[in-house]
Every structure is written in structure tokens, then in C-alpha cells.
mmCIF file of all heavy atoms, coordinates in Angstrom:
data_MODEL
# 
_entry.id   MODEL 
# 
loop_
_atom_site.group_PDB 
_atom_site.id 
_atom_site.type_symbol 
_atom_site.label_atom_id 
_atom_site.label_alt_id 
_atom_site.label_comp_id 
_atom_site.label_asym_id 
_atom_site.label_entity_id 
_atom_site.label_seq_id 
_atom_site.pdbx_PDB_ins_code 
_atom_site.Cartn_x 
_atom_site.Cartn_y 
_atom_site.Cartn_z 
_atom_site.occupancy 
_atom_site.B_iso_or_equiv 
_atom_site.pdbx_formal_charge 
_atom_site.auth_seq_id 
_atom_site.auth_comp_id 
_atom_site.auth_asym_id 
_atom_site.auth_atom_id 
_atom_site.pdbx_PDB_model_num 
ATOM 1   N N   . ILE A 1 1  ? -4.074 -59.233 143.779 1.00 0.00 ? 1  ILE A N   1 
ATOM 2   C CA  . ILE A 1 1  ? -3.268 -58.049 143.458 1.00 0.00 ? 1  ILE A CA  1 
ATOM 3   C C   . ILE A 1 1  ? -3.851 -57.360 142.220 1.00 0.00 ? 1  ILE A C   1 
ATOM 4   O O   . ILE A 1 1  ? -4.673 -57.934 141.504 1.00 0.00 ? 1  ILE A O   1 
ATOM 5   C CB  . ILE A 1 1  ? -1.782 -58.389 143.183 1.00 0.00 ? 1  ILE A CB  1 
ATOM 6   C CG1 . ILE A 1 1  ? -1.659 -59.306 141.964 1.00 0.00 ? 1  ILE A CG1 1 
ATOM 7   C CG2 . ILE A 1 1  ? -1.120 -58.978 144.405 1.00 0.00 ? 1  ILE A CG2 1 
ATOM 8   C CD1 . ILE A 1 1  ? -0.238 -59.539 141.502 1.00 0.00 ? 1  ILE A CD1 1 
ATOM 9   N N   . VAL A 1 2  ? -3.416 -56.146 142.004 1.00 0.00 ? 2  VAL A N   1 
ATOM 10  C CA  . VAL A 1 2  ? -3.760 -55.432 140.771 1.00 0.00 ? 2  VAL A CA  1 
ATOM 11  C C   . VAL A 1 2  ? -2.466 -55.206 139.998 1.00 0.00 ? 2  VAL A C   1 
ATOM 12  O O   . VAL A 1 2  ? -1.483 -54.721 140.556 1.00 0.00 ? 2  VAL A O   1 
ATOM 13  C CB  . VAL A 1 2  ? -4.436 -54.078 141.067 1.00 0.00 ? 2  VAL A CB  1 
ATOM 14  C CG1 . VAL A 1 2  ? -4.640 -53.294 139.773 1.00 0.00 ? 2  VAL A CG1 1 
ATOM 15  C CG2 . VAL A 1 2  ? -5.767 -54.271 141.764 1.00 0.00 ? 2  VAL A CG2 1 
ATOM 16  N N   . VAL A 1 3  ? -2.478 -55.590 138.733 1.00 0.00 ? 3  VAL A N   1 
ATOM 17  C CA  . VAL A 1 3  ? -1.332 -55.356 137.862 1.00 0.00 ? 3  VAL A CA  1 
ATOM 18  C C   . VAL A 1 3  ? -1.642 -54.111 137.033 1.00 0.00 ? 3  VAL A C   1 
ATOM 19  O O   . VAL A 1 3  ? -2.618 -54.075 136.287 1.00 0.00 ? 3  VAL A O   1 
ATOM 20  C CB  . VAL A 1 3  ? -1.058 -56.543 136.931 1.00 0.00 ? 3  VAL A CB  1 
ATOM 21  C CG1 . VAL A 1 3  ? 0.159  -56.248 136.041 1.00 0.00 ? 3  VAL A CG1 1 
ATOM 22  C CG2 . VAL A 1 3  ? -0.830 -57.816 137.728 1.00 0.00 ? 3  VAL A CG2 1 
ATOM 23  N N   . ILE A 1 4  ? -0.834 -53.086 137.202 1.00 0.00 ? 4  ILE A N   1 
ATOM 24  C CA  . ILE A 1 4  ? -1.039 -51.808 136.522 1.00 0.00 ? 4  ILE A CA  1 
ATOM 25  C C   . ILE A 1 4  ? 0.061  -51.630 135.478 1.00 0.00 ? 4  ILE A C   1 
ATOM 26  O O   . ILE A 1 4  ? 1.232  -51.925 135.740 1.00 0.00 ? 4  ILE A O   1 
ATOM 27  C CB  . ILE A 1 4  ? -1.001 -50.647 137.532 1.00 0.00 ? 4  ILE A CB  1 
ATOM 28  C CG1 . ILE A 1 4  ? -2.145 -50.800 138.546 1.00 0.00 ? 4  ILE A CG1 1 
ATOM 29  C CG2 . ILE A 1 4  ? -1.080 -49.293 136.828 1.00 0.00 ? 4  ILE A CG2 1 
ATOM 30  C CD1 . ILE A 1 4  ? -1.967 -49.973 139.798 1.00 0.00 ? 4  ILE A CD1 1 
ATOM 31  N N   . SER A 1 5  ? -0.326 -51.160 134.302 1.00 0.00 ? 5  SER A N   1 
ATOM 32  C CA  . SER A 1 5  ? 0.677  -50.969 133.258 1.00 0.00 ? 5  SER A CA  1 
ATOM 33  C C   . SER A 1 5  ? 0.499  -49.618 132.576 1.00 0.00 ? 5  SER A C   1 
ATOM 34  O O   . SER A 1 5  ? -0.607 -49.115 132.421 1.00 0.00 ? 5  SER A O   1 
ATOM 35  C CB  . SER A 1 5  ? 0.586  -52.083 132.206 1.00 0.00 ? 5  SER A CB  1 
ATOM 36  O OG  . SER A 1 5  ? -0.623 -51.992 131.473 1.00 0.00 ? 5  SER A OG  1 
ATOM 37  N N   . VAL A 1 6  ? 1.619  -49.035 132.199 1.00 0.00 ? 6  VAL A N   1 
ATOM 38  C CA  . VAL A 1 6  ? 1.657  -47.796 131.410 1.00 0.00 ? 6  VAL A CA  1 
ATOM 39  C C   . VAL A 1 6  ? 2.513  -48.104 130.190 1.00 0.00 ? 6  VAL A C   1 
ATOM 40  O O   . VAL A 1 6  ? 3.710  -48.342 130.310 1.00 0.00 ? 6  VAL A O   1 
ATOM 41  C CB  . VAL A 1 6  ? 2.259  -46.622 132.209 1.00 0.00 ? 6  VAL A CB  1 
ATOM 42  C CG1 . VAL A 1 6  ? 2.343  -45.378 131.321 1.00 0.00 ? 6  VAL A CG1 1 
ATOM 43  C CG2 . VAL A 1 6  ? 1.444  -46.332 133.453 1.00 0.00 ? 6  VAL A CG2 1 
ATOM 44  N N   . SER A 1 7  ? 1.882  -48.129 129.026 1.00 0.00 ? 7  SER A N   1 
ATOM 45  C CA  . SER A 1 7  ? 2.608  -48.485 127.807 1.00 0.00 ? 7  SER A CA  1 
ATOM 46  C C   . SER A 1 7  ? 2.558  -47.360 126.779 1.00 0.00 ? 7  SER A C   1 
ATOM 47  O O   . SER A 1 7  ? 1.639  -46.538 126.776 1.00 0.00 ? 7  SER A O   1 
ATOM 48  C CB  . SER A 1 7  ? 2.021  -49.770 127.201 1.00 0.00 ? 7  SER A CB  1 
ATOM 49  O OG  . SER A 1 7  ? 0.654  -49.592 126.867 1.00 0.00 ? 7  SER A OG  1 
ATOM 50  N N   . ASP A 1 8  ? 3.560  -47.327 125.912 1.00 0.00 ? 8  ASP A N   1 
ATOM 51  C CA  . ASP A 1 8  ? 3.623  -46.313 124.863 1.00 0.00 ? 8  ASP A CA  1 
ATOM 52  C C   . ASP A 1 8  ? 4.193  -46.922 123.592 1.00 0.00 ? 8  ASP A C   1 
ATOM 53  O O   . ASP A 1 8  ? 4.714  -48.038 123.605 1.00 0.00 ? 8  ASP A O   1 
ATOM 54  C CB  . ASP A 1 8  ? 4.492  -45.128 125.315 1.00 0.00 ? 8  ASP A CB  1 
ATOM 55  C CG  . ASP A 1 8  ? 5.933  -45.525 125.579 1.00 0.00 ? 8  ASP A CG  1 
ATOM 56  O OD1 . ASP A 1 8  ? 6.628  -45.926 124.625 1.00 0.00 ? 8  ASP A OD1 1 
ATOM 57  O OD2 . ASP A 1 8  ? 6.377  -45.448 126.744 1.00 0.00 ? 8  ASP A OD2 1 
ATOM 58  N N   . ASN A 1 9  ? 4.056  -46.191 122.484 1.00 0.00 ? 9  ASN A N   1 
ATOM 59  C CA  . ASN A 1 9  ? 4.642  -46.633 121.219 1.00 0.00 ? 9  ASN A CA  1 
ATOM 60  C C   . ASN A 1 9  ? 5.806  -45.720 120.846 1.00 0.00 ? 9  ASN A C   1 
ATOM 61  O O   . ASN A 1 9  ? 5.981  -45.346 119.693 1.00 0.00 ? 9  ASN A O   1 
ATOM 62  C CB  . ASN A 1 9  ? 3.588  -46.670 120.104 1.00 0.00 ? 9  ASN A CB  1 
ATOM 63  C CG  . ASN A 1 9  ? 2.984  -45.293 119.812 1.00 0.00 ? 9  ASN A CG  1 
ATOM 64  O OD1 . ASN A 1 9  ? 3.173  -44.345 120.578 1.00 0.00 ? 9  ASN A OD1 1 
ATOM 65  N ND2 . ASN A 1 9  ? 2.245  -45.181 118.720 1.00 0.00 ? 9  ASN A ND2 1 
ATOM 66  N N   . GLY A 1 10 ? 6.579  -45.379 121.874 1.00 0.00 ? 10 GLY A N   1 
ATOM 67  C CA  . GLY A 1 10 ? 7.692  -44.449 121.711 1.00 0.00 ? 10 GLY A CA  1 
ATOM 68  C C   . GLY A 1 10 ? 8.979  -45.080 121.234 1.00 0.00 ? 10 GLY A C   1 
ATOM 69  O O   . GLY A 1 10 ? 8.982  -46.103 120.544 1.00 0.00 ? 10 GLY A O   1 
ATOM 70  N N   . ILE A 1 11 ? 10.095 -44.494 121.656 1.00 0.00 ? 11 ILE A N   1 
ATOM 71  C CA  . ILE A 1 11 ? 11.402 -44.869 121.110 1.00 0.00 ? 11 ILE A CA  1 
ATOM 72  C C   . ILE A 1 11 ? 11.970 -46.149 121.714 1.00 0.00 ? 11 ILE A C   1 
ATOM 73  O O   . ILE A 1 11 ? 12.905 -46.733 121.176 1.00 0.00 ? 11 ILE A O   1 
ATOM 74  C CB  . ILE A 1 11 ? 12.423 -43.724 121.297 1.00 0.00 ? 11 ILE A CB  1 
ATOM 75  C CG1 . ILE A 1 11 ? 12.605 -43.397 122.786 1.00 0.00 ? 11 ILE A CG1 1 
ATOM 76  C CG2 . ILE A 1 11 ? 11.974 -42.493 120.524 1.00 0.00 ? 11 ILE A CG2 1 
ATOM 77  C CD1 . ILE A 1 11 ? 13.656 -42.318 123.046 1.00 0.00 ? 11 ILE A CD1 1 
ATOM 78  N N   . GLY A 1 12 ? 11.398 -46.606 122.837 1.00 0.00 ? 12 GLY A N   1 
ATOM 79  C CA  . GLY A 1 12 ? 11.882 -47.834 123.454 1.00 0.00 ? 12 GLY A CA  1 
ATOM 80  C C   . GLY A 1 12 ? 13.183 -47.650 124.219 1.00 0.00 ? 12 GLY A C   1 
ATOM 81  O O   . GLY A 1 12 ? 13.763 -46.559 124.252 1.00 0.00 ? 12 GLY A O   1 
ATOM 82  N N   . ILE A 1 13 ? 13.627 -48.741 124.837 1.00 0.00 ? 13 ILE A N   1 
ATOM 83  C CA  . ILE A 1 13 ? 14.829 -48.702 125.689 1.00 0.00 ? 13 ILE A CA  1 
ATOM 84  C C   . ILE A 1 13 ? 15.793 -49.805 125.267 1.00 0.00 ? 13 ILE A C   1 
ATOM 85  O O   . ILE A 1 13 ? 15.385 -50.951 125.061 1.00 0.00 ? 13 ILE A O   1 
ATOM 86  C CB  . ILE A 1 13 ? 14.455 -48.910 127.174 1.00 0.00 ? 13 ILE A CB  1 
ATOM 87  C CG1 . ILE A 1 13 ? 13.379 -47.900 127.599 1.00 0.00 ? 13 ILE A CG1 1 
ATOM 88  C CG2 . ILE A 1 13 ? 15.685 -48.784 128.071 1.00 0.00 ? 13 ILE A CG2 1 
ATOM 89  C CD1 . ILE A 1 13 ? 12.747 -48.236 128.934 1.00 0.00 ? 13 ILE A CD1 1 
ATOM 90  N N   . LYS A 1 14 ? 17.058 -49.458 125.147 1.00 0.00 ? 14 LYS A N   1 
ATOM 91  C CA  . LYS A 1 14 ? 18.065 -50.454 124.791 1.00 0.00 ? 14 LYS A CA  1 
ATOM 92  C C   . LYS A 1 14 ? 18.220 -51.467 125.929 1.00 0.00 ? 14 LYS A C   1 
ATOM 93  O O   . LYS A 1 14 ? 18.150 -51.108 127.100 1.00 0.00 ? 14 LYS A O   1 
ATOM 94  C CB  . LYS A 1 14 ? 19.404 -49.774 124.521 1.00 0.00 ? 14 LYS A CB  1 
ATOM 95  C CG  . LYS A 1 14 ? 19.395 -48.870 123.293 1.00 0.00 ? 14 LYS A CG  1 
ATOM 96  C CD  . LYS A 1 14 ? 20.751 -48.211 123.093 1.00 0.00 ? 14 LYS A CD  1 
ATOM 97  C CE  . LYS A 1 14 ? 20.731 -47.303 121.859 1.00 0.00 ? 14 LYS A CE  1 
ATOM 98  N NZ  . LYS A 1 14 ? 22.039 -46.622 121.656 1.00 0.00 ? 14 LYS A NZ  1 
ATOM 99  N N   . PRO A 1 15 ? 18.436 -52.757 125.598 1.00 0.00 ? 15 PRO A N   1 
ATOM 100 C CA  . PRO A 1 15 ? 18.551 -53.804 126.612 1.00 0.00 ? 15 PRO A CA  1 
ATOM 101 C C   . PRO A 1 15 ? 19.567 -53.503 127.702 1.00 0.00 ? 15 PRO A C   1 
ATOM 102 O O   . PRO A 1 15 ? 19.334 -53.776 128.877 1.00 0.00 ? 15 PRO A O   1 
ATOM 103 C CB  . PRO A 1 15 ? 18.962 -55.043 125.795 1.00 0.00 ? 15 PRO A CB  1 
ATOM 104 C CG  . PRO A 1 15 ? 18.372 -54.783 124.441 1.00 0.00 ? 15 PRO A CG  1 
ATOM 105 C CD  . PRO A 1 15 ? 18.521 -53.305 124.231 1.00 0.00 ? 15 PRO A CD  1 
ATOM 106 N N   . ASP A 1 16 ? 20.715 -52.919 127.338 1.00 0.00 ? 16 ASP A N   1 
ATOM 107 C CA  . ASP A 1 16 ? 21.754 -52.667 128.334 1.00 0.00 ? 16 ASP A CA  1 
ATOM 108 C C   . ASP A 1 16 ? 21.354 -51.573 129.315 1.00 0.00 ? 16 ASP A C   1 
ATOM 109 O O   . ASP A 1 16 ? 21.886 -51.486 130.425 1.00 0.00 ? 16 ASP A O   1 
ATOM 110 C CB  . ASP A 1 16 ? 23.080 -52.287 127.655 1.00 0.00 ? 16 ASP A CB  1 
ATOM 111 C CG  . ASP A 1 16 ? 22.964 -51.001 126.835 1.00 0.00 ? 16 ASP A CG  1 
ATOM 112 O OD1 . ASP A 1 16 ? 21.980 -50.865 126.090 1.00 0.00 ? 16 ASP A OD1 1 
ATOM 113 O OD2 . ASP A 1 16 ? 23.857 -50.146 126.943 1.00 0.00 ? 16 ASP A OD2 1 
ATOM 114 N N   . LYS A 1 17 ? 20.382 -50.725 128.923 1.00 0.00 ? 17 LYS A N   1 
ATOM 115 C CA  . LYS A 1 17 ? 19.914 -49.664 129.815 1.00 0.00 ? 17 LYS A CA  1 
ATOM 116 C C   . LYS A 1 17 ? 18.793 -50.131 130.731 1.00 0.00 ? 17 LYS A C   1 
ATOM 117 O O   . LYS A 1 17 ? 18.595 -49.579 131.811 1.00 0.00 ? 17 LYS A O   1 
ATOM 118 C CB  . LYS A 1 17 ? 19.455 -48.452 129.002 1.00 0.00 ? 17 LYS A CB  1 
ATOM 119 C CG  . LYS A 1 17 ? 20.589 -47.647 128.395 1.00 0.00 ? 17 LYS A CG  1 
ATOM 120 C CD  . LYS A 1 17 ? 20.105 -46.311 127.853 1.00 0.00 ? 17 LYS A CD  1 
ATOM 121 C CE  . LYS A 1 17 ? 21.282 -45.449 127.395 1.00 0.00 ? 17 LYS A CE  1 
ATOM 122 N NZ  . LYS A 1 17 ? 20.830 -44.110 126.932 1.00 0.00 ? 17 LYS A NZ  1 
ATOM 123 N N   . MET A 1 18 ? 18.033 -51.136 130.292 1.00 0.00 ? 18 MET A N   1 
ATOM 124 C CA  . MET A 1 18 ? 16.896 -51.603 131.092 1.00 0.00 ? 18 MET A CA  1 
ATOM 125 C C   . MET A 1 18 ? 17.319 -52.132 132.454 1.00 0.00 ? 18 MET A C   1 
ATOM 126 O O   . MET A 1 18 ? 16.614 -51.976 133.441 1.00 0.00 ? 18 MET A O   1 
ATOM 127 C CB  . MET A 1 18 ? 16.110 -52.672 130.323 1.00 0.00 ? 18 MET A CB  1 
ATOM 128 C CG  . MET A 1 18 ? 15.217 -52.096 129.242 1.00 0.00 ? 18 MET A CG  1 
ATOM 129 S SD  . MET A 1 18 ? 13.913 -53.233 128.721 1.00 0.00 ? 18 MET A SD  1 
ATOM 130 C CE  . MET A 1 18 ? 14.855 -54.438 127.823 1.00 0.00 ? 18 MET A CE  1 
ATOM 131 N N   . THR A 1 19 ? 18.489 -52.754 132.515 1.00 0.00 ? 19 THR A N   1 
ATOM 132 C CA  . THR A 1 19 ? 18.959 -53.328 133.771 1.00 0.00 ? 19 THR A CA  1 
ATOM 133 C C   . THR A 1 19 ? 19.403 -52.265 134.772 1.00 0.00 ? 19 THR A C   1 
ATOM 134 O O   . THR A 1 19 ? 19.598 -52.557 135.947 1.00 0.00 ? 19 THR A O   1 
ATOM 135 C CB  . THR A 1 19 ? 20.138 -54.293 133.511 1.00 0.00 ? 19 THR A CB  1 
ATOM 136 O OG1 . THR A 1 19 ? 21.197 -53.571 132.868 1.00 0.00 ? 19 THR A OG1 1 
ATOM 137 C CG2 . THR A 1 19 ? 19.700 -55.447 132.618 1.00 0.00 ? 19 THR A CG2 1 
ATOM 138 N N   . LYS A 1 20 ? 19.563 -51.021 134.308 1.00 0.00 ? 20 LYS A N   1 
ATOM 139 C CA  . LYS A 1 20 ? 20.064 -49.949 135.170 1.00 0.00 ? 20 LYS A CA  1 
ATOM 140 C C   . LYS A 1 20 ? 18.979 -48.981 135.639 1.00 0.00 ? 20 LYS A C   1 
ATOM 141 O O   . LYS A 1 20 ? 19.229 -48.111 136.470 1.00 0.00 ? 20 LYS A O   1 
ATOM 142 C CB  . LYS A 1 20 ? 21.144 -49.151 134.431 1.00 0.00 ? 20 LYS A CB  1 
ATOM 143 C CG  . LYS A 1 20 ? 22.313 -49.993 133.934 1.00 0.00 ? 20 LYS A CG  1 
ATOM 144 C CD  . LYS A 1 20 ? 23.263 -49.162 133.087 1.00 0.00 ? 20 LYS A CD  1 
ATOM 145 C CE  . LYS A 1 20 ? 24.394 -50.000 132.533 1.00 0.00 ? 20 LYS A CE  1 
ATOM 146 N NZ  . LYS A 1 20 ? 25.303 -49.214 131.665 1.00 0.00 ? 20 LYS A NZ  1 
ATOM 147 N N   . LEU A 1 21 ? 17.763 -49.113 135.083 1.00 0.00 ? 21 LEU A N   1 
ATOM 148 C CA  . LEU A 1 21 ? 16.720 -48.122 135.319 1.00 0.00 ? 21 LEU A CA  1 
ATOM 149 C C   . LEU A 1 21 ? 16.345 -47.937 136.779 1.00 0.00 ? 21 LEU A C   1 
ATOM 150 O O   . LEU A 1 21 ? 16.037 -46.829 137.215 1.00 0.00 ? 21 LEU A O   1 
ATOM 151 C CB  . LEU A 1 21 ? 15.454 -48.511 134.531 1.00 0.00 ? 21 LEU A CB  1 
ATOM 152 C CG  . LEU A 1 21 ? 15.543 -48.406 133.014 1.00 0.00 ? 21 LEU A CG  1 
ATOM 153 C CD1 . LEU A 1 21 ? 14.252 -48.921 132.379 1.00 0.00 ? 21 LEU A CD1 1 
ATOM 154 C CD2 . LEU A 1 21 ? 15.806 -46.970 132.577 1.00 0.00 ? 21 LEU A CD2 1 
ATOM 155 N N   . PHE A 1 22 ? 16.358 -49.014 137.552 1.00 0.00 ? 22 PHE A N   1 
ATOM 156 C CA  . PHE A 1 22 ? 15.878 -48.961 138.931 1.00 0.00 ? 22 PHE A CA  1 
ATOM 157 C C   . PHE A 1 22 ? 17.013 -49.018 139.956 1.00 0.00 ? 22 PHE A C   1 
ATOM 158 O O   . PHE A 1 22 ? 16.777 -49.258 141.137 1.00 0.00 ? 22 PHE A O   1 
ATOM 159 C CB  . PHE A 1 22 ? 14.898 -50.108 139.198 1.00 0.00 ? 22 PHE A CB  1 
ATOM 160 C CG  . PHE A 1 22 ? 13.723 -50.130 138.255 1.00 0.00 ? 22 PHE A CG  1 
ATOM 161 C CD1 . PHE A 1 22 ? 13.655 -51.061 137.235 1.00 0.00 ? 22 PHE A CD1 1 
ATOM 162 C CD2 . PHE A 1 22 ? 12.689 -49.206 138.387 1.00 0.00 ? 22 PHE A CD2 1 
ATOM 163 C CE1 . PHE A 1 22 ? 12.572 -51.080 136.362 1.00 0.00 ? 22 PHE A CE1 1 
ATOM 164 C CE2 . PHE A 1 22 ? 11.602 -49.222 137.526 1.00 0.00 ? 22 PHE A CE2 1 
ATOM 165 C CZ  . PHE A 1 22 ? 11.544 -50.157 136.505 1.00 0.00 ? 22 PHE A CZ  1 
ATOM 166 N N   . ASP A 1 23 ? 18.240 -48.792 139.494 1.00 0.00 ? 23 ASP A N   1 
ATOM 167 C CA  . ASP A 1 23 ? 19.421 -48.909 140.360 1.00 0.00 ? 23 ASP A CA  1 
ATOM 168 C C   . ASP A 1 23 ? 20.006 -47.515 140.619 1.00 0.00 ? 23 ASP A C   1 
ATOM 169 O O   . ASP A 1 23 ? 20.463 -46.851 139.693 1.00 0.00 ? 23 ASP A O   1 
ATOM 170 C CB  . ASP A 1 23 ? 20.459 -49.807 139.686 1.00 0.00 ? 23 ASP A CB  1 
ATOM 171 C CG  . ASP A 1 23 ? 21.654 -50.101 140.578 1.00 0.00 ? 23 ASP A CG  1 
ATOM 172 O OD1 . ASP A 1 23 ? 21.788 -49.447 141.648 1.00 0.00 ? 23 ASP A OD1 1 
ATOM 173 O OD2 . ASP A 1 23 ? 22.456 -50.973 140.215 1.00 0.00 ? 23 ASP A OD2 1 
ATOM 174 N N   . ILE A 1 24 ? 19.998 -47.076 141.889 1.00 0.00 ? 24 ILE A N   1 
ATOM 175 C CA  . ILE A 1 24 ? 20.491 -45.741 142.234 1.00 0.00 ? 24 ILE A CA  1 
ATOM 176 C C   . ILE A 1 24 ? 21.969 -45.585 141.890 1.00 0.00 ? 24 ILE A C   1 
ATOM 177 O O   . ILE A 1 24 ? 22.417 -44.494 141.533 1.00 0.00 ? 24 ILE A O   1 
ATOM 178 C CB  . ILE A 1 24 ? 20.264 -45.445 143.739 1.00 0.00 ? 24 ILE A CB  1 
ATOM 179 C CG1 . ILE A 1 24 ? 20.647 -44.004 144.075 1.00 0.00 ? 24 ILE A CG1 1 
ATOM 180 C CG2 . ILE A 1 24 ? 21.007 -46.433 144.605 1.00 0.00 ? 24 ILE A CG2 1 
ATOM 181 C CD1 . ILE A 1 24 ? 19.816 -42.946 143.419 1.00 0.00 ? 24 ILE A CD1 1 
ATOM 182 N N   . SER A 1 25 ? 22.730 -46.663 141.951 1.00 0.00 ? 25 SER A N   1 
ATOM 183 C CA  . SER A 1 25 ? 24.156 -46.576 141.649 1.00 0.00 ? 25 SER A CA  1 
ATOM 184 C C   . SER A 1 25 ? 24.411 -46.428 140.154 1.00 0.00 ? 25 SER A C   1 
ATOM 185 O O   . SER A 1 25 ? 25.519 -46.089 139.731 1.00 0.00 ? 25 SER A O   1 
ATOM 186 C CB  . SER A 1 25 ? 24.895 -47.820 142.164 1.00 0.00 ? 25 SER A CB  1 
ATOM 187 O OG  . SER A 1 25 ? 24.508 -48.981 141.454 1.00 0.00 ? 25 SER A OG  1 
# 
């Protein structure tokens, strides 16, 4: 497989929001 990453030194994401990023609901 190929592991691809896009990283930044920006503002970051709060832990409680990370669990919701990929959920349409």
C-alpha cells in the first residue's frame, strides 16, 4: 500500500471534533 499524508502547522483540531470529521450525521 501507499500511505499518503498531508500535514500542516496550523491551528489544529480539538479532540471532541476529530471524532465527528468523517461522520455525515
